[in-house]
């Protein structure tokens, strides 16, 4: 799996590019962790490496999730590819087909989005280089 890795060499810093499908559908990050504000932080980090995102949301997972995972809408072309690229980017998370209602405030796919990252306590508040 391709994961962004930052390396320093002779004082310059380089970040490798995530390889895979980043933009066939947009990703929504749903906070299912015990921390506040982490879905927005993760959305920003994923946008920085090239994923297309919709606005982050609160998850309705009860209890909170210990482990993050990715779901995708099987009816959206490219959603499975984006989900698997996202899972690989986040250290090998599982990506599986999702069904309605979703564990999000809207309970449905955000407009233009066929992938949801349920952000659990394992990744909450971490930057990509820590994952």
Protein backbone atom coordinates (compact mmCIF):
# COMPACT_ATOMS: atom_id res chain seq x y z
CA UNK A 1 0.00 0.00 0.00
CA UNK A 2 1.18 3.49 -0.78
CA UNK A 3 1.45 5.66 2.30
CA UNK A 4 2.73 9.25 2.34
CA UNK A 5 6.17 9.15 3.88
CA UNK A 6 8.20 12.23 4.74
CA UNK A 7 11.96 11.86 4.58
CA UNK A 8 14.72 14.35 5.21
CA UNK A 9 17.86 14.35 3.11
CA UNK A 10 20.52 17.02 3.32
CA UNK A 11 18.17 19.52 4.92
CA UNK A 12 15.39 19.20 2.35
CA UNK A 13 12.11 17.47 3.11
CA UNK A 14 10.20 15.44 0.55
CA UNK A 15 6.82 13.77 0.76
CA UNK A 16 5.98 10.91 -1.54
CA UNK A 17 2.69 10.94 -3.42
CA UNK A 18 -0.18 8.61 -2.63
CA UNK A 19 -0.70 6.29 -5.60
CA UNK A 20 -4.20 5.06 -6.37
CA UNK A 21 -7.65 6.45 -7.05
CA UNK A 22 -8.13 9.62 -4.97
CA UNK A 23 -10.90 11.44 -6.79
CA UNK A 24 -13.47 9.13 -8.47
CA UNK A 25 -15.76 9.98 -5.56
CA UNK A 26 -15.50 12.24 -2.55
CA UNK A 27 -14.67 11.00 0.95
CA UNK A 28 -16.56 11.96 4.10
CA UNK A 29 -14.83 11.62 7.46
CA UNK A 30 -17.24 10.75 10.30
CA UNK A 31 -15.93 11.18 13.83
CA UNK A 32 -16.67 7.99 15.78
CA UNK A 33 -13.92 8.62 18.34
CA UNK A 34 -14.02 10.03 21.86
CA UNK A 35 -12.25 13.26 20.75
CA UNK A 36 -13.91 16.38 19.35
CA UNK A 37 -12.83 18.10 16.13
CA UNK A 38 -10.69 15.26 14.80
CA UNK A 39 -12.79 14.57 11.68
CA UNK A 40 -12.06 18.09 10.37
CA UNK A 41 -8.35 17.60 11.06
CA UNK A 42 -8.30 14.26 9.21
CA UNK A 43 -10.30 15.72 6.30
CA UNK A 44 -7.74 18.48 5.93
CA UNK A 45 -4.83 16.00 6.04
CA UNK A 46 -6.45 13.79 3.39
CA UNK A 47 -7.19 16.79 1.16
CA UNK A 48 -3.51 17.78 1.45
CA UNK A 49 -2.45 14.45 -0.14
CA UNK A 50 -4.99 14.69 -2.95
CA UNK A 51 -8.25 13.07 -1.85
CA UNK A 52 -11.49 14.86 -2.77
CA UNK A 53 -13.56 15.44 0.37
CA UNK A 54 -16.98 16.61 1.49
CA UNK A 55 -17.53 18.32 4.83
CA UNK A 56 -16.67 16.19 7.86
CA UNK A 57 -19.50 15.01 10.08
CA UNK A 58 -20.13 13.50 13.47
CA UNK A 59 -20.57 9.77 13.57
CA UNK A 60 -23.40 8.13 15.46
CA UNK A 61 -21.36 5.08 16.47
CA UNK A 62 -22.32 3.99 19.98
CA UNK A 63 -20.06 3.20 21.69
CA UNK A 64 -17.15 5.03 20.09
CA UNK A 65 -14.97 2.96 17.77
CA UNK A 66 -11.61 1.66 18.92
CA UNK A 67 -10.59 0.95 15.30
CA UNK A 68 -11.20 3.12 12.25
CA UNK A 69 -12.58 1.61 9.06
CA UNK A 70 -13.73 2.62 5.59
CA UNK A 71 -17.03 1.91 3.82
CA UNK A 72 -18.09 2.59 0.25
CA UNK A 73 -21.28 2.78 -1.82
CA UNK A 74 -21.24 -0.12 -4.28
CA UNK A 75 -23.50 1.89 -6.61
CA UNK A 76 -20.93 4.65 -7.14
CA UNK A 77 -18.35 4.02 -9.91
CA UNK A 78 -14.83 4.15 -8.48
CA UNK A 79 -15.96 4.22 -4.84
CA UNK A 80 -14.37 0.84 -4.05
CA UNK A 81 -11.07 1.98 -5.61
CA UNK A 82 -11.06 5.23 -3.61
CA UNK A 83 -11.99 3.32 -0.42
CA UNK A 84 -9.13 0.84 -0.86
CA UNK A 85 -6.66 3.67 -1.65
CA UNK A 86 -7.85 5.49 1.49
CA UNK A 87 -7.53 2.36 3.60
CA UNK A 88 -3.99 1.81 2.34
CA UNK A 89 -3.09 5.43 3.00
CA UNK A 90 -4.26 5.03 6.59
CA UNK A 91 -2.08 2.04 7.37
CA UNK A 92 -4.09 -0.78 5.85
CA UNK A 93 -7.60 -0.15 7.13
CA UNK A 94 -10.32 -2.51 5.96
CA UNK A 95 -12.64 -1.16 3.25
CA UNK A 96 -16.02 -2.81 2.83
CA UNK A 97 -19.37 -2.10 1.17
CA UNK A 98 -21.59 0.09 3.31
CA UNK A 99 -25.35 -0.08 3.77
CA UNK A 100 -27.92 2.50 4.80
CA UNK A 101 -28.54 3.88 7.31
CA UNK A 102 -24.97 5.04 7.81
CA UNK A 103 -23.61 5.83 11.28
CA UNK A 104 -23.52 9.55 10.46
CA UNK A 105 -25.71 12.51 11.41
CA UNK A 106 -27.46 12.41 8.01
CA UNK A 107 -27.63 8.56 7.99
CA UNK A 108 -27.00 8.67 4.23
CA UNK A 109 -24.18 9.27 1.75
CA UNK A 110 -23.20 12.95 1.48
CA UNK A 111 -23.89 14.50 -1.92
CA UNK A 112 -21.05 13.58 -4.27
CA UNK A 113 -19.59 11.10 -1.77
CA UNK A 114 -19.41 7.33 -2.05
CA UNK A 115 -16.83 6.70 0.70
CA UNK A 116 -16.99 7.21 4.47
CA UNK A 117 -14.09 6.96 6.89
CA UNK A 118 -15.39 6.07 10.34
CA UNK A 119 -12.64 7.67 12.42
CA UNK A 120 -12.03 5.69 15.60
CA UNK A 121 -9.88 6.23 18.66
CA UNK A 122 -6.88 4.54 16.96
CA UNK A 123 -6.39 7.36 14.42
CA UNK A 124 -8.17 10.29 16.08
CA UNK A 125 -5.94 13.34 16.33
CA UNK A 126 -3.03 11.74 14.44
CA UNK A 127 -1.38 13.24 11.39
CA UNK A 128 -0.71 11.00 8.38
CA UNK A 129 3.00 10.74 9.13
CA UNK A 130 2.16 9.16 12.52
CA UNK A 131 -0.08 6.48 10.99
